């Protein structure tokens, strides 16, 4: 949603409070689950994504994106990287 900074902030702070359709919510639920409980991932989680219309290719793409963000966030935390001041007002 271009030009929807409030919606983006809702996603960042608590996606459960944002207005999402079923497919968007399932994707956010998946990303949260795979980030916080990766060892518990099973066929049930896949079926939740398929139930709202994701195919296997889209699920693999979601896994790649979630994995990449988890990797880069952990790397940035380890390096104690801090955004520059302009980051906080970029595209807002």
Protein backbone atom coordinates (compact mmCIF):
# COMPACT_ATOMS: atom_id res chain seq x y z
CA UNK A 1 0.00 0.00 0.00
CA UNK A 2 1.93 2.98 -1.27
CA UNK A 3 1.37 6.08 0.81
CA UNK A 4 0.00 4.26 3.84
CA UNK A 5 2.53 4.97 6.59
CA UNK A 6 0.06 4.24 9.40
CA UNK A 7 -0.62 0.78 7.98
CA UNK A 8 3.10 0.13 7.62
CA UNK A 9 3.71 1.20 11.21
CA UNK A 10 0.92 -1.11 12.36
CA UNK A 11 2.62 -3.98 10.54
CA UNK A 12 5.96 -3.13 12.12
CA UNK A 13 4.67 -2.80 15.68
CA UNK A 14 1.92 -5.44 15.77
CA UNK A 15 0.67 -6.93 12.51
CA UNK A 16 -2.29 -8.47 14.37
CA UNK A 17 -3.79 -4.98 14.73
CA UNK A 18 -3.38 -4.07 11.04
CA UNK A 19 -6.15 -4.47 8.49
CA UNK A 20 -5.07 -7.55 6.55
CA UNK A 21 -6.88 -9.96 4.30
CA UNK A 22 -6.74 -13.69 5.07
CA UNK A 23 -3.75 -14.31 2.81
CA UNK A 24 -1.74 -11.41 4.23
CA UNK A 25 -2.53 -12.49 7.80
CA UNK A 26 -1.49 -16.08 7.08
CA UNK A 27 1.79 -14.85 5.61
CA UNK A 28 2.49 -12.66 8.65
CA UNK A 29 1.55 -15.53 10.97
CA UNK A 30 3.95 -17.79 9.07
CA UNK A 31 6.80 -15.26 9.26
CA UNK A 32 6.23 -14.79 12.99
CA UNK A 33 6.03 -18.54 13.62
CA UNK A 34 9.14 -19.42 11.62
CA UNK A 35 11.04 -16.62 13.38
CA UNK A 36 10.03 -17.47 16.93
CA UNK A 37 9.50 -21.25 16.80
CA UNK A 38 11.40 -22.68 13.83
CA UNK A 39 11.90 -26.10 15.42
CA UNK A 40 8.13 -26.53 15.71
CA UNK A 41 7.43 -25.95 12.01
CA UNK A 42 5.50 -28.86 10.51
CA UNK A 43 2.96 -29.88 7.85
CA UNK A 44 0.19 -28.08 9.78
CA UNK A 45 1.93 -24.76 9.17
CA UNK A 46 2.20 -25.50 5.46
CA UNK A 47 -1.48 -26.39 5.29
CA UNK A 48 -2.42 -23.05 6.85
CA UNK A 49 -0.67 -21.30 3.98
CA UNK A 50 -2.16 -23.58 1.34
CA UNK A 51 -5.64 -23.10 2.81
CA UNK A 52 -5.58 -19.40 1.94
CA UNK A 53 -4.23 -19.95 -1.56
CA UNK A 54 -0.43 -20.12 -1.39
CA UNK A 55 1.21 -22.65 -3.68
CA UNK A 56 4.47 -24.46 -2.90
CA UNK A 57 6.57 -22.02 -4.93
CA UNK A 58 5.10 -19.04 -3.03
CA UNK A 59 5.68 -20.82 0.28
CA UNK A 60 9.33 -21.41 -0.62
CA UNK A 61 9.65 -17.75 -1.58
CA UNK A 62 8.16 -16.72 1.80
CA UNK A 63 10.61 -19.06 3.54
CA UNK A 64 13.50 -17.46 1.68
CA UNK A 65 12.42 -13.92 2.56
CA UNK A 66 11.74 -14.74 6.23
CA UNK A 67 15.04 -16.59 6.49
CA UNK A 68 16.98 -13.78 4.87
CA UNK A 69 15.45 -11.13 7.14
CA UNK A 70 16.10 -13.29 10.20
CA UNK A 71 19.72 -13.69 9.11
CA UNK A 72 20.30 -10.01 8.43
CA UNK A 73 18.57 -8.91 11.63
CA UNK A 74 20.69 -11.25 13.71
CA UNK A 75 23.82 -10.08 11.92
CA UNK A 76 22.89 -6.42 12.48
CA UNK A 77 22.18 -7.11 16.15
CA UNK A 78 25.55 -8.83 16.56
CA UNK A 79 27.33 -5.87 14.95
CA UNK A 80 25.18 -3.42 16.94
CA UNK A 81 24.38 -1.63 13.70
CA UNK A 82 22.31 1.52 14.22
CA UNK A 83 20.37 3.25 11.45
CA UNK A 84 21.31 6.78 10.60
CA UNK A 85 18.82 9.52 11.59
CA UNK A 86 17.41 9.80 8.05
CA UNK A 87 16.23 6.18 8.25
CA UNK A 88 13.41 7.05 10.62
CA UNK A 89 11.77 9.51 8.22
CA UNK A 90 12.54 7.69 4.95
CA UNK A 91 9.41 7.24 2.82
CA UNK A 92 7.13 8.55 5.58
